[in-house]
Amino acid sequence: MRSKSDKKKPLVPRLRFPEFREAGAWEKKRLGTQGGFLTPLSGKSAKDFDAGDAKFIPYMNVFSNTFTDIQDLRSVIITDDESQNAVAKGDVFFTVSSETPEEAGMSSVLLGDVDRCYLNSFCALFRFDDHLSPNLIFLGYLLRSRSVRCHLSRGAQGATRYNISKLVFKELPLVFPLAKEQQKIAHCLSSLDEVIGLESHKLDTLKNLKKGLMQQLFPQEVA
């Protein structure tokens, strides 16, 4: 009789680039085996925010962006005697609380270094161990994939507000192909995002054009 492990199908996607169809199965890893969590901003009061020369990443920046928007930062006071964990390229941020299970555990990956920047206290900060970080763009899309979102949504606990524990994050199953396939997937999806961004900009331009034309093509009633 075959064991349950023997019955498990290899982890391969339904759609694969031709050059990787014979590359074998993807490797499954738990997030907690790849690095650890660091404490985000702590010990701050309202008067410390929107002042000072340090920066912090707001909750909605993490919630809304697969890749952290470094233009969407706020100021915070950080004194020389404080022991705070500054963020670094490759860090992963997770929201830990939300109004619905489906919105809990949203992720954002930091693609570049930002000087004297910290993470808001309502998010979790994960950092990969040296040499274990995957392709960062691939990682960003992976963490927003359906299987990851399902795991985190199921792990959210609460009634009026839903929270995710560090244990749920640590047990998060991730699947990785070889580095070259990661790069190929990252390039494909990021290229599509670039096209979407350009088309969205064109759409906004056309909407503004239409609005301006309507204001000029119809007479304005004088009060």
N, C-alpha and C. Protein backbone atom coordinates (compact mmCIF):
# COMPACT_ATOMS: atom_id res chain seq x y z
N MET A 1 0.85 -1.20 0.00
CA MET A 1 0.00 0.00 0.00
C MET A 1 0.88 1.24 0.00
N ARG A 2 0.56 2.23 -0.83
CA ARG A 2 1.36 3.44 -0.93
C ARG A 2 1.07 4.35 0.24
N SER A 3 2.12 4.95 0.78
CA SER A 3 1.96 5.89 1.88
C SER A 3 1.42 7.21 1.35
N LYS A 4 0.97 8.08 2.29
CA LYS A 4 0.47 9.39 1.90
C LYS A 4 1.54 10.20 1.20
N SER A 5 2.79 10.07 1.66
CA SER A 5 3.88 10.83 1.05
C SER A 5 4.13 10.40 -0.38
N ASP A 6 3.92 9.09 -0.65
CA ASP A 6 4.12 8.59 -2.00
C ASP A 6 3.06 9.13 -2.95
N LYS A 7 1.88 9.42 -2.40
CA LYS A 7 0.78 9.87 -3.23
C LYS A 7 0.85 11.35 -3.54
N LYS A 8 1.71 12.08 -2.84
CA LYS A 8 1.81 13.52 -3.06
C LYS A 8 2.33 13.81 -4.46
N LYS A 9 1.66 14.70 -5.13
CA LYS A 9 2.10 15.07 -6.47
C LYS A 9 3.26 16.05 -6.39
N PRO A 10 4.16 16.01 -7.36
CA PRO A 10 5.26 16.98 -7.39
C PRO A 10 4.71 18.40 -7.46
N LEU A 11 5.39 19.34 -6.81
CA LEU A 11 4.95 20.73 -6.82
C LEU A 11 5.42 21.41 -8.09
N VAL A 12 4.54 21.43 -9.07
CA VAL A 12 4.84 22.10 -10.34
C VAL A 12 3.63 22.94 -10.74
N PRO A 13 3.85 24.09 -11.35
CA PRO A 13 2.73 24.93 -11.78
C PRO A 13 2.06 24.37 -13.02
N ARG A 14 0.81 24.73 -13.24
CA ARG A 14 0.09 24.27 -14.43
C ARG A 14 0.65 24.91 -15.70
N LEU A 15 1.13 26.14 -15.57
CA LEU A 15 1.72 26.86 -16.70
C LEU A 15 3.19 27.09 -16.41
N ARG A 16 4.04 26.70 -17.37
CA ARG A 16 5.48 26.81 -17.15
C ARG A 16 6.16 27.22 -18.45
N PHE A 17 7.19 28.06 -18.33
CA PHE A 17 7.94 28.45 -19.53
C PHE A 17 8.62 27.22 -20.12
N PRO A 18 8.67 27.14 -21.47
CA PRO A 18 9.18 25.94 -22.13
C PRO A 18 10.54 25.47 -21.64
N GLU A 19 11.45 26.41 -21.38
CA GLU A 19 12.80 26.01 -20.98
C GLU A 19 12.89 25.41 -19.59
N PHE A 20 11.78 25.48 -18.83
CA PHE A 20 11.80 24.94 -17.47
C PHE A 20 10.87 23.75 -17.28
N ARG A 21 10.29 23.25 -18.36
CA ARG A 21 9.33 22.15 -18.23
C ARG A 21 9.97 20.85 -17.74
N GLU A 22 11.25 20.72 -17.94
CA GLU A 22 11.95 19.52 -17.47
C GLU A 22 12.86 19.84 -16.28
N ALA A 23 12.61 20.97 -15.64
CA ALA A 23 13.50 21.41 -14.55
C ALA A 23 13.18 20.77 -13.21
N GLY A 24 12.11 19.98 -13.16
CA GLY A 24 11.77 19.31 -11.90
C GLY A 24 10.81 20.12 -11.06
N ALA A 25 10.46 19.55 -9.92
CA ALA A 25 9.48 20.16 -9.04
C ALA A 25 10.07 21.34 -8.28
N TRP A 26 9.17 22.21 -7.83
CA TRP A 26 9.57 23.33 -6.98
C TRP A 26 9.80 22.81 -5.57
N GLU A 27 10.61 23.51 -4.83
CA GLU A 27 10.95 23.10 -3.46
C GLU A 27 10.07 23.85 -2.46
N LYS A 28 9.51 23.10 -1.52
CA LYS A 28 8.65 23.69 -0.50
C LYS A 28 9.45 23.99 0.76
N LYS A 29 9.26 25.19 1.28
CA LYS A 29 9.96 25.61 2.50
C LYS A 29 8.99 26.38 3.39
N ARG A 30 9.19 26.28 4.68
CA ARG A 30 8.41 27.08 5.63
C ARG A 30 9.12 28.40 5.86
N LEU A 31 8.35 29.48 5.90
CA LEU A 31 8.96 30.79 6.06
C LEU A 31 9.87 30.86 7.28
N GLY A 32 9.45 30.25 8.37
CA GLY A 32 10.21 30.32 9.61
C GLY A 32 11.57 29.66 9.56
N THR A 33 11.81 28.80 8.55
CA THR A 33 13.12 28.15 8.42
C THR A 33 14.10 28.99 7.61
N GLN A 34 13.61 30.09 7.04
CA GLN A 34 14.43 30.88 6.13
C GLN A 34 14.97 32.17 6.75
N GLY A 35 14.54 32.48 7.94
CA GLY A 35 14.98 33.72 8.58
C GLY A 35 14.23 33.92 9.88
N GLY A 36 14.07 35.16 10.30
CA GLY A 36 13.39 35.42 11.56
C GLY A 36 12.71 36.77 11.57
N PHE A 37 11.91 36.97 12.60
CA PHE A 37 11.17 38.22 12.76
C PHE A 37 11.93 39.18 13.66
N LEU A 38 11.91 40.44 13.30
CA LEU A 38 12.50 41.51 14.09
C LEU A 38 11.38 42.41 14.60
N THR A 39 11.63 43.08 15.71
CA THR A 39 10.63 43.97 16.29
C THR A 39 10.53 45.26 15.48
N PRO A 40 9.32 45.64 15.07
CA PRO A 40 9.15 46.93 14.38
C PRO A 40 9.26 48.08 15.38
N LEU A 41 8.88 49.27 14.98
CA LEU A 41 8.94 50.42 15.87
C LEU A 41 8.22 50.13 17.19
N SER A 42 8.85 50.52 18.28
CA SER A 42 8.24 50.30 19.60
C SER A 42 8.55 51.48 20.51
N GLY A 43 7.71 51.63 21.53
CA GLY A 43 7.93 52.66 22.52
C GLY A 43 7.68 54.07 22.04
N LYS A 44 6.85 54.23 21.02
CA LYS A 44 6.59 55.56 20.47
C LYS A 44 5.23 56.09 20.92
N SER A 45 5.13 57.40 21.03
CA SER A 45 3.86 58.05 21.35
C SER A 45 3.47 58.94 20.19
N ALA A 46 2.27 59.47 20.22
CA ALA A 46 1.74 60.25 19.10
C ALA A 46 2.64 61.44 18.75
N LYS A 47 3.26 62.05 19.76
CA LYS A 47 4.08 63.24 19.51
C LYS A 47 5.36 62.93 18.73
N ASP A 48 5.74 61.63 18.66
CA ASP A 48 6.95 61.25 17.94
C ASP A 48 6.75 61.15 16.43
N PHE A 49 5.49 61.10 16.00
CA PHE A 49 5.21 60.89 14.58
C PHE A 49 4.97 62.20 13.85
N ASP A 50 5.26 62.14 12.54
CA ASP A 50 5.15 63.32 11.67
C ASP A 50 6.06 64.44 12.13
N ALA A 51 7.20 64.04 12.68
CA ALA A 51 8.25 64.97 13.10
C ALA A 51 9.57 64.20 13.05
N GLY A 52 10.69 64.93 13.13
CA GLY A 52 11.99 64.26 13.12
C GLY A 52 12.49 64.00 11.72
N ASP A 53 13.73 63.50 11.64
CA ASP A 53 14.36 63.30 10.33
C ASP A 53 14.47 61.84 9.93
N ALA A 54 13.91 60.94 10.74
CA ALA A 54 13.84 59.53 10.35
C ALA A 54 12.51 59.27 9.65
N LYS A 55 12.37 58.12 9.02
CA LYS A 55 11.15 57.78 8.29
C LYS A 55 10.59 56.45 8.78
N PHE A 56 9.29 56.28 8.57
CA PHE A 56 8.70 54.97 8.84
C PHE A 56 7.70 54.62 7.74
N ILE A 57 7.48 53.33 7.57
CA ILE A 57 6.58 52.82 6.53
C ILE A 57 5.19 52.63 7.14
N PRO A 58 4.19 53.36 6.67
CA PRO A 58 2.85 53.26 7.24
C PRO A 58 2.18 51.91 6.94
N TYR A 59 1.17 51.61 7.73
CA TYR A 59 0.41 50.37 7.58
C TYR A 59 -0.16 50.24 6.17
N MET A 60 -0.80 51.30 5.66
CA MET A 60 -1.46 51.21 4.35
C MET A 60 -0.48 51.03 3.21
N ASN A 61 0.75 51.45 3.38
CA ASN A 61 1.78 51.21 2.37
C ASN A 61 2.01 49.71 2.24
N VAL A 62 2.07 49.02 3.36
CA VAL A 62 2.24 47.56 3.35
C VAL A 62 1.00 46.88 2.80
N PHE A 63 -0.15 47.31 3.27
CA PHE A 63 -1.40 46.68 2.86
C PHE A 63 -1.64 46.80 1.37
N SER A 64 -1.31 47.94 0.79
CA SER A 64 -1.70 48.25 -0.59
C SER A 64 -0.68 47.88 -1.65
N ASN A 65 0.58 47.65 -1.27
CA ASN A 65 1.64 47.52 -2.26
C ASN A 65 2.39 46.19 -2.16
N THR A 66 2.41 45.46 -3.26
CA THR A 66 3.22 44.24 -3.32
C THR A 66 4.68 44.56 -3.06
N PHE A 67 5.13 45.70 -3.56
CA PHE A 67 6.49 46.18 -3.32
C PHE A 67 6.39 47.55 -2.65
N THR A 68 7.08 47.71 -1.56
CA THR A 68 6.95 48.91 -0.74
C THR A 68 7.20 50.17 -1.55
N ASP A 69 6.31 51.13 -1.43
CA ASP A 69 6.43 52.41 -2.11
C ASP A 69 7.29 53.33 -1.25
N ILE A 70 8.53 53.56 -1.66
CA ILE A 70 9.44 54.37 -0.85
C ILE A 70 9.14 55.85 -0.96
N GLN A 71 8.16 56.21 -1.80
CA GLN A 71 7.70 57.59 -1.84
C GLN A 71 6.59 57.83 -0.80
N ASP A 72 6.06 56.77 -0.26
CA ASP A 72 4.97 56.87 0.71
C ASP A 72 5.50 56.56 2.11
N LEU A 73 6.29 57.47 2.64
CA LEU A 73 6.87 57.32 3.98
C LEU A 73 6.46 58.51 4.83
N ARG A 74 6.45 58.30 6.13
CA ARG A 74 6.15 59.39 7.05
C ARG A 74 7.32 59.59 8.01
N SER A 75 7.36 60.75 8.60
CA SER A 75 8.47 61.10 9.50
C SER A 75 8.24 60.57 10.91
N VAL A 76 9.34 60.31 11.60
CA VAL A 76 9.28 59.88 13.00
C VAL A 76 10.56 60.31 13.70
N ILE A 77 10.45 60.60 14.98
CA ILE A 77 11.63 60.97 15.77
C ILE A 77 12.29 59.71 16.32
N ILE A 78 13.55 59.53 15.98
CA ILE A 78 14.35 58.43 16.51
C ILE A 78 15.61 59.04 17.13
N THR A 79 15.79 58.88 18.41
CA THR A 79 16.95 59.46 19.08
C THR A 79 18.13 58.50 19.04
N ASP A 80 19.32 59.05 19.27
CA ASP A 80 20.55 58.25 19.16
C ASP A 80 20.62 57.13 20.18
N ASP A 81 19.94 57.28 21.30
CA ASP A 81 20.02 56.27 22.35
C ASP A 81 18.97 55.16 22.22
N GLU A 82 18.14 55.24 21.17
CA GLU A 82 17.13 54.21 20.96
C GLU A 82 17.69 52.98 20.25
N SER A 83 17.14 51.84 20.60
CA SER A 83 17.49 50.59 19.93
C SER A 83 16.29 50.15 19.09
N GLN A 84 16.29 50.57 17.83
CA GLN A 84 15.19 50.25 16.90
C GLN A 84 15.77 49.52 15.70
N ASN A 85 14.97 48.65 15.09
CA ASN A 85 15.41 47.89 13.92
C ASN A 85 15.08 48.64 12.63
N ALA A 86 16.10 49.20 12.00
CA ALA A 86 15.89 49.84 10.70
C ALA A 86 15.64 48.78 9.65
N VAL A 87 14.80 49.10 8.67
CA VAL A 87 14.51 48.14 7.59
C VAL A 87 15.68 48.10 6.61
N ALA A 88 15.75 47.02 5.85
CA ALA A 88 16.83 46.83 4.88
C ALA A 88 16.28 46.18 3.63
N LYS A 89 17.00 46.34 2.54
CA LYS A 89 16.61 45.72 1.28
C LYS A 89 16.38 44.23 1.47
N GLY A 90 15.26 43.75 0.93
CA GLY A 90 14.93 42.33 1.04
C GLY A 90 14.02 41.99 2.19
N ASP A 91 13.76 42.95 3.08
CA ASP A 91 12.84 42.70 4.19
C ASP A 91 11.43 42.50 3.67
N VAL A 92 10.67 41.69 4.41
CA VAL A 92 9.26 41.45 4.09
C VAL A 92 8.42 41.99 5.23
N PHE A 93 7.38 42.73 4.88
CA PHE A 93 6.49 43.29 5.88
C PHE A 93 5.11 42.63 5.75
N PHE A 94 4.49 42.34 6.88
CA PHE A 94 3.15 41.76 6.89
C PHE A 94 2.25 42.59 7.79
N THR A 95 1.02 42.83 7.34
CA THR A 95 0.03 43.37 8.26
C THR A 95 -0.40 42.23 9.18
N VAL A 96 -0.61 42.52 10.45
CA VAL A 96 -0.96 41.46 11.39
C VAL A 96 -2.40 41.55 11.86
N SER A 97 -3.09 42.61 11.48
CA SER A 97 -4.46 42.80 11.94
C SER A 97 -5.30 43.43 10.83
N SER A 98 -6.56 43.02 10.76
CA SER A 98 -7.44 43.55 9.72
C SER A 98 -8.89 43.37 10.13
N GLU A 99 -9.79 44.02 9.40
CA GLU A 99 -11.20 43.93 9.71
C GLU A 99 -11.84 42.64 9.22
N THR A 100 -11.21 41.98 8.25
CA THR A 100 -11.72 40.70 7.73
C THR A 100 -10.56 39.70 7.61
N PRO A 101 -10.84 38.41 7.70
CA PRO A 101 -9.77 37.41 7.54
C PRO A 101 -9.11 37.49 6.16
N GLU A 102 -9.91 37.80 5.15
CA GLU A 102 -9.39 37.83 3.78
C GLU A 102 -8.34 38.92 3.58
N GLU A 103 -8.38 39.97 4.40
CA GLU A 103 -7.44 41.08 4.26
C GLU A 103 -6.29 41.01 5.24
N ALA A 104 -6.26 39.99 6.09
CA ALA A 104 -5.20 39.87 7.08
C ALA A 104 -3.92 39.32 6.44
N GLY A 105 -2.78 39.74 6.98
CA GLY A 105 -1.50 39.20 6.52
C GLY A 105 -1.09 39.65 5.13
N MET A 106 -1.50 40.84 4.71
CA MET A 106 -1.05 41.35 3.43
C MET A 106 0.45 41.65 3.51
N SER A 107 1.15 41.42 2.42
CA SER A 107 2.61 41.50 2.43
C SER A 107 3.14 42.59 1.51
N SER A 108 4.36 43.00 1.80
CA SER A 108 5.05 43.97 0.96
C SER A 108 6.55 43.71 1.07
N VAL A 109 7.24 43.72 -0.05
CA VAL A 109 8.69 43.45 -0.08
C VAL A 109 9.44 44.74 -0.38
N LEU A 110 10.48 45.00 0.37
CA LEU A 110 11.30 46.20 0.17
C LEU A 110 12.40 45.89 -0.84
N LEU A 111 12.36 46.56 -1.98
CA LEU A 111 13.30 46.24 -3.07
C LEU A 111 14.61 47.01 -3.00
N GLY A 112 14.68 48.05 -2.18
CA GLY A 112 15.91 48.84 -2.11
C GLY A 112 16.20 49.29 -0.70
N ASP A 113 17.38 49.84 -0.49
CA ASP A 113 17.74 50.36 0.82
C ASP A 113 17.16 51.76 1.02
N VAL A 114 16.70 52.04 2.21
CA VAL A 114 16.20 53.36 2.59
C VAL A 114 16.89 53.75 3.89
N ASP A 115 17.55 54.88 3.90
CA ASP A 115 18.33 55.30 5.06
C ASP A 115 17.43 55.68 6.23
N ARG A 116 17.72 55.16 7.39
CA ARG A 116 17.02 55.49 8.63
C ARG A 116 15.51 55.37 8.47
N CYS A 117 15.09 54.21 8.09
CA CYS A 117 13.67 53.94 7.87
C CYS A 117 13.25 52.75 8.72
N TYR A 118 12.04 52.83 9.26
CA TYR A 118 11.55 51.83 10.20
C TYR A 118 10.13 51.40 9.80
N LEU A 119 9.66 50.32 10.41
CA LEU A 119 8.33 49.79 10.09
C LEU A 119 7.35 50.14 11.20
N ASN A 120 6.12 50.52 10.82
CA ASN A 120 5.10 50.84 11.81
C ASN A 120 4.85 49.66 12.75
N SER A 121 4.35 49.95 13.93
CA SER A 121 4.21 48.94 14.97
C SER A 121 3.05 47.99 14.75
N PHE A 122 2.21 48.24 13.75
CA PHE A 122 1.05 47.38 13.49
C PHE A 122 1.35 46.33 12.42
N CYS A 123 2.61 46.20 12.04
CA CYS A 123 3.03 45.21 11.04
C CYS A 123 4.16 44.36 11.59
N ALA A 124 4.39 43.23 10.94
CA ALA A 124 5.48 42.33 11.31
C ALA A 124 6.62 42.49 10.31
N LEU A 125 7.84 42.39 10.81
CA LEU A 125 9.05 42.56 10.00
C LEU A 125 9.81 41.25 9.94
N PHE A 126 9.90 40.68 8.73
CA PHE A 126 10.64 39.42 8.54
C PHE A 126 11.89 39.68 7.72
N ARG A 127 12.99 39.06 8.14
CA ARG A 127 14.25 39.21 7.41
C ARG A 127 14.85 37.83 7.12
N PHE A 128 15.16 37.58 5.86
CA PHE A 128 15.78 36.32 5.47
C PHE A 128 17.21 36.24 5.99
N ASP A 129 17.63 35.04 6.32
CA ASP A 129 19.03 34.82 6.69
C ASP A 129 19.91 35.04 5.46
N ASP A 130 21.18 35.32 5.71
CA ASP A 130 22.13 35.52 4.61
C ASP A 130 22.10 34.34 3.64
N HIS A 131 22.07 34.65 2.36
CA HIS A 131 22.13 33.67 1.26
C HIS A 131 20.86 32.83 1.11
N LEU A 132 19.81 33.14 1.89
CA LEU A 132 18.56 32.38 1.75
C LEU A 132 17.45 33.17 1.05
N SER A 133 17.68 34.45 0.82
CA SER A 133 16.64 35.26 0.20
C SER A 133 16.46 34.88 -1.27
N PRO A 134 15.23 34.69 -1.70
CA PRO A 134 14.97 34.39 -3.12
C PRO A 134 15.01 35.68 -3.94
N ASN A 135 14.73 35.57 -5.24
CA ASN A 135 14.56 36.75 -6.08
C ASN A 135 13.45 37.60 -5.47
N LEU A 136 13.74 38.87 -5.20
CA LEU A 136 12.81 39.69 -4.43
C LEU A 136 11.52 39.99 -5.18
N ILE A 137 11.61 40.18 -6.48
CA ILE A 137 10.39 40.45 -7.24
C ILE A 137 9.52 39.18 -7.31
N PHE A 138 10.16 38.04 -7.54
CA PHE A 138 9.44 36.76 -7.49
C PHE A 138 8.77 36.60 -6.14
N LEU A 139 9.50 36.91 -5.07
CA LEU A 139 8.98 36.76 -3.72
C LEU A 139 7.74 37.62 -3.50
N GLY A 140 7.79 38.86 -3.98
CA GLY A 140 6.65 39.75 -3.80
C GLY A 140 5.38 39.17 -4.40
N TYR A 141 5.48 38.65 -5.62
CA TYR A 141 4.30 38.06 -6.27
C TYR A 141 3.90 36.75 -5.59
N LEU A 142 4.87 35.96 -5.17
CA LEU A 142 4.57 34.70 -4.50
C LEU A 142 3.76 34.93 -3.23
N LEU A 143 4.14 35.95 -2.46
CA LEU A 143 3.46 36.21 -1.19
C LEU A 143 2.05 36.75 -1.38
N ARG A 144 1.73 37.18 -2.59
CA ARG A 144 0.37 37.63 -2.88
C ARG A 144 -0.40 36.59 -3.71
N SER A 145 0.18 35.41 -3.86
CA SER A 145 -0.47 34.36 -4.65
C SER A 145 -1.63 33.75 -3.86
N ARG A 146 -2.47 33.03 -4.56
CA ARG A 146 -3.69 32.50 -3.96
C ARG A 146 -3.39 31.54 -2.80
N SER A 147 -2.43 30.66 -2.95
CA SER A 147 -2.15 29.67 -1.91
C SER A 147 -1.66 30.32 -0.63
N VAL A 148 -0.81 31.34 -0.78
CA VAL A 148 -0.30 32.05 0.40
C VAL A 148 -1.43 32.82 1.07
N ARG A 149 -2.24 33.51 0.27
CA ARG A 149 -3.34 34.28 0.84
C ARG A 149 -4.34 33.37 1.57
N CYS A 150 -4.58 32.19 1.03
CA CYS A 150 -5.50 31.25 1.68
C CYS A 150 -4.96 30.81 3.03
N HIS A 151 -3.67 30.50 3.08
CA HIS A 151 -3.05 30.07 4.34
C HIS A 151 -3.18 31.15 5.40
N LEU A 152 -2.88 32.38 5.04
CA LEU A 152 -2.91 33.47 6.01
C LEU A 152 -4.34 33.82 6.42
N SER A 153 -5.26 33.78 5.48
CA SER A 153 -6.66 34.06 5.81
C SER A 153 -7.22 33.02 6.78
N ARG A 154 -6.86 31.75 6.55
CA ARG A 154 -7.32 30.69 7.46
C ARG A 154 -6.72 30.84 8.84
N GLY A 155 -5.52 31.40 8.91
CA GLY A 155 -4.85 31.55 10.20
C GLY A 155 -5.27 32.77 10.99
N ALA A 156 -6.07 33.64 10.39
CA ALA A 156 -6.52 34.85 11.09
C ALA A 156 -7.57 34.50 12.13
N GLN A 157 -7.40 35.00 13.34
CA GLN A 157 -8.32 34.71 14.43
C GLN A 157 -8.92 36.00 14.97
N GLY A 158 -10.20 35.95 15.33
CA GLY A 158 -10.83 37.12 15.92
C GLY A 158 -12.32 37.13 15.70
N ALA A 159 -12.95 38.23 16.14
CA ALA A 159 -14.39 38.40 15.98
C ALA A 159 -14.68 39.69 15.22
N THR A 160 -14.40 40.84 15.85
CA THR A 160 -14.60 42.12 15.17
C THR A 160 -13.33 42.57 14.45
N ARG A 161 -12.20 42.06 14.90
CA ARG A 161 -10.92 42.34 14.24
C ARG A 161 -10.11 41.05 14.23
N TYR A 162 -9.43 40.81 13.09
CA TYR A 162 -8.74 39.54 12.92
C TYR A 162 -7.23 39.73 12.97
N ASN A 163 -6.57 38.84 13.73
CA ASN A 163 -5.13 38.94 13.93
C ASN A 163 -4.45 37.64 13.53
N ILE A 164 -3.18 37.76 13.11
CA ILE A 164 -2.39 36.60 12.74
C ILE A 164 -1.19 36.51 13.67
N SER A 165 -0.96 35.34 14.22
CA SER A 165 0.15 35.14 15.15
C SER A 165 1.46 34.90 14.39
N LYS A 166 2.56 35.07 15.09
CA LYS A 166 3.87 34.81 14.49
C LYS A 166 4.00 33.35 14.07
N LEU A 167 3.37 32.45 14.82
CA LEU A 167 3.44 31.03 14.49
C LEU A 167 2.82 30.75 13.12
N VAL A 168 1.69 31.39 12.83
CA VAL A 168 1.04 31.21 11.52
C VAL A 168 1.97 31.70 10.41
N PHE A 169 2.62 32.84 10.62
CA PHE A 169 3.57 33.33 9.63
C PHE A 169 4.74 32.35 9.47
N LYS A 170 5.26 31.86 10.56
CA LYS A 170 6.42 30.96 10.50
C LYS A 170 6.09 29.67 9.77
N GLU A 171 4.84 29.22 9.91
CA GLU A 171 4.43 27.97 9.27
C GLU A 171 3.98 28.18 7.82
N LEU A 172 4.06 29.41 7.33
CA LEU A 172 3.63 29.71 5.96
C LEU A 172 4.43 28.88 4.96
N PRO A 173 3.77 28.04 4.15
CA PRO A 173 4.47 27.23 3.16
C PRO A 173 4.74 28.04 1.89
N LEU A 174 5.99 28.05 1.47
CA LEU A 174 6.39 28.74 0.25
C LEU A 174 7.03 27.74 -0.70
N VAL A 175 6.84 27.95 -1.99
CA VAL A 175 7.43 27.04 -2.98
C VAL A 175 8.35 27.84 -3.91
N PHE A 176 9.53 27.29 -4.15
CA PHE A 176 10.54 28.00 -4.93
C PHE A 176 11.08 27.12 -6.06
N PRO A 177 11.13 27.67 -7.27
CA PRO A 177 11.87 26.99 -8.35
C PRO A 177 13.34 27.42 -8.28
N LEU A 178 14.13 26.96 -9.24
CA LEU A 178 15.52 27.40 -9.30
C LEU A 178 15.60 28.88 -9.61
N ALA A 179 16.75 29.47 -9.31
CA ALA A 179 16.91 30.93 -9.42
C ALA A 179 16.56 31.46 -10.80
N LYS A 180 16.95 30.77 -11.87
CA LYS A 180 16.68 31.25 -13.22
C LYS A 180 15.19 31.29 -13.52
N GLU A 181 14.45 30.32 -13.00
CA GLU A 181 13.01 30.32 -13.22
C GLU A 181 12.34 31.41 -12.39
N GLN A 182 12.84 31.63 -11.18
CA GLN A 182 12.35 32.74 -10.38
C GLN A 182 12.50 34.06 -11.15
N GLN A 183 13.67 34.24 -11.74
CA GLN A 183 13.96 35.48 -12.48
C GLN A 183 13.02 35.63 -13.68
N LYS A 184 12.77 34.53 -14.37
CA LYS A 184 11.89 34.56 -15.54
C LYS A 184 10.47 34.95 -15.15
N ILE A 185 9.97 34.36 -14.08
CA ILE A 185 8.63 34.67 -13.61
C ILE A 185 8.55 36.12 -13.14
N ALA A 186 9.57 36.56 -12.42
CA ALA A 186 9.60 37.93 -11.93
C ALA A 186 9.57 38.93 -13.08
N HIS A 187 10.34 38.66 -14.13
CA HIS A 187 10.39 39.56 -15.28
C HIS A 187 9.04 39.59 -16.00
N CYS A 188 8.43 38.43 -16.15
CA CYS A 188 7.13 38.34 -16.84
C CYS A 188 6.07 39.16 -16.11
N LEU A 189 5.94 38.94 -14.80
CA LEU A 189 4.88 39.60 -14.04
C LEU A 189 5.15 41.10 -13.86
N SER A 190 6.40 41.47 -13.66
CA SER A 190 6.72 42.90 -13.50
C SER A 190 6.52 43.65 -14.82
N SER A 191 6.80 42.98 -15.94
CA SER A 191 6.56 43.60 -17.25
C SER A 191 5.08 43.87 -17.46
N LEU A 192 4.24 42.92 -17.04
CA LEU A 192 2.79 43.12 -17.14
C LEU A 192 2.34 44.27 -16.26
N ASP A 193 2.92 44.37 -15.07
CA ASP A 193 2.56 45.49 -14.18
C ASP A 193 2.95 46.83 -14.79
N GLU A 194 4.08 46.86 -15.50
CA GLU A 194 4.49 48.10 -16.16
C GLU A 194 3.48 48.50 -17.24
N VAL A 195 3.02 47.53 -18.00
CA VAL A 195 2.01 47.80 -19.05
C VAL A 195 0.71 48.29 -18.41
N ILE A 196 0.30 47.62 -17.33
CA ILE A 196 -0.93 48.02 -16.63
C ILE A 196 -0.80 49.46 -16.12
N GLY A 197 0.38 49.80 -15.57
CA GLY A 197 0.61 51.15 -15.09
C GLY A 197 0.52 52.18 -16.19
N LEU A 198 1.10 51.87 -17.35
CA LEU A 198 1.05 52.79 -18.47
C LEU A 198 -0.38 52.97 -18.98
N GLU A 199 -1.10 51.85 -19.09
CA GLU A 199 -2.48 51.93 -19.56
C GLU A 199 -3.37 52.68 -18.57
N SER A 200 -3.11 52.50 -17.28
CA SER A 200 -3.88 53.22 -16.26
C SER A 200 -3.63 54.71 -16.37
N HIS A 201 -2.37 55.08 -16.65
CA HIS A 201 -2.04 56.49 -16.81
C HIS A 201 -2.76 57.07 -18.03
N LYS A 202 -2.78 56.29 -19.12
CA LYS A 202 -3.49 56.74 -20.33
C LYS A 202 -4.98 56.91 -20.05
N LEU A 203 -5.54 55.98 -19.30
CA LEU A 203 -6.97 56.04 -18.98
C LEU A 203 -7.28 57.29 -18.16
N ASP A 204 -6.43 57.57 -17.17
CA ASP A 204 -6.63 58.77 -16.35
C ASP A 204 -6.54 60.03 -17.21
N THR A 205 -5.59 60.03 -18.16
CA THR A 205 -5.44 61.18 -19.05
C THR A 205 -6.68 61.38 -19.89
N LEU A 206 -7.22 60.28 -20.42
CA LEU A 206 -8.44 60.37 -21.24
C LEU A 206 -9.64 60.83 -20.42
N LYS A 207 -9.73 60.37 -19.18
CA LYS A 207 -10.83 60.80 -18.31
C LYS A 207 -10.75 62.30 -18.05
N ASN A 208 -9.53 62.80 -17.81
CA ASN A 208 -9.36 64.23 -17.57
C ASN A 208 -9.67 65.04 -18.83
N LEU A 209 -9.29 64.48 -20.01
CA LEU A 209 -9.59 65.14 -21.27
C LEU A 209 -11.09 65.24 -21.48
N LYS A 210 -11.79 64.14 -21.23
CA LYS A 210 -13.25 64.12 -21.36
C LYS A 210 -13.89 65.13 -20.42
N LYS A 211 -13.42 65.17 -19.18
CA LYS A 211 -13.97 66.11 -18.21
C LYS A 211 -13.80 67.55 -18.67
N GLY A 212 -12.60 67.86 -19.20
CA GLY A 212 -12.33 69.21 -19.70
C GLY A 212 -13.19 69.55 -20.90
N LEU A 213 -13.37 68.60 -21.81
CA LEU A 213 -14.19 68.83 -23.00
C LEU A 213 -15.65 69.08 -22.63
N MET A 214 -16.15 68.31 -21.67
CA MET A 214 -17.54 68.47 -21.25
C MET A 214 -17.77 69.85 -20.63
N GLN A 215 -16.78 70.34 -19.93
CA GLN A 215 -16.90 71.67 -19.34
C GLN A 215 -16.92 72.76 -20.40
N GLN A 216 -16.27 72.50 -21.53
CA GLN A 216 -16.18 73.51 -22.59
C GLN A 216 -17.23 73.35 -23.68
N LEU A 217 -17.71 72.12 -23.90
CA LEU A 217 -18.66 71.87 -24.98
C LEU A 217 -20.09 72.23 -24.61
N PHE A 218 -20.38 72.36 -23.31
CA PHE A 218 -21.72 72.72 -22.87
C PHE A 218 -21.68 74.11 -22.22
N PRO A 219 -22.66 74.92 -22.53
CA PRO A 219 -22.67 76.27 -21.94
C PRO A 219 -22.91 76.20 -20.43
N GLN A 220 -22.26 77.10 -19.72
CA GLN A 220 -22.41 77.16 -18.27
C GLN A 220 -23.49 78.20 -17.93
N GLU A 221 -24.44 77.77 -17.15
CA GLU A 221 -25.53 78.69 -16.76
C GLU A 221 -24.99 79.73 -15.80
N VAL A 222 -25.29 80.97 -16.09
CA VAL A 222 -24.84 82.07 -15.24
C VAL A 222 -25.91 82.37 -14.20
N ALA A 223 -25.52 82.33 -12.92
CA ALA A 223 -26.48 82.56 -11.84
C ALA A 223 -26.89 84.03 -11.80
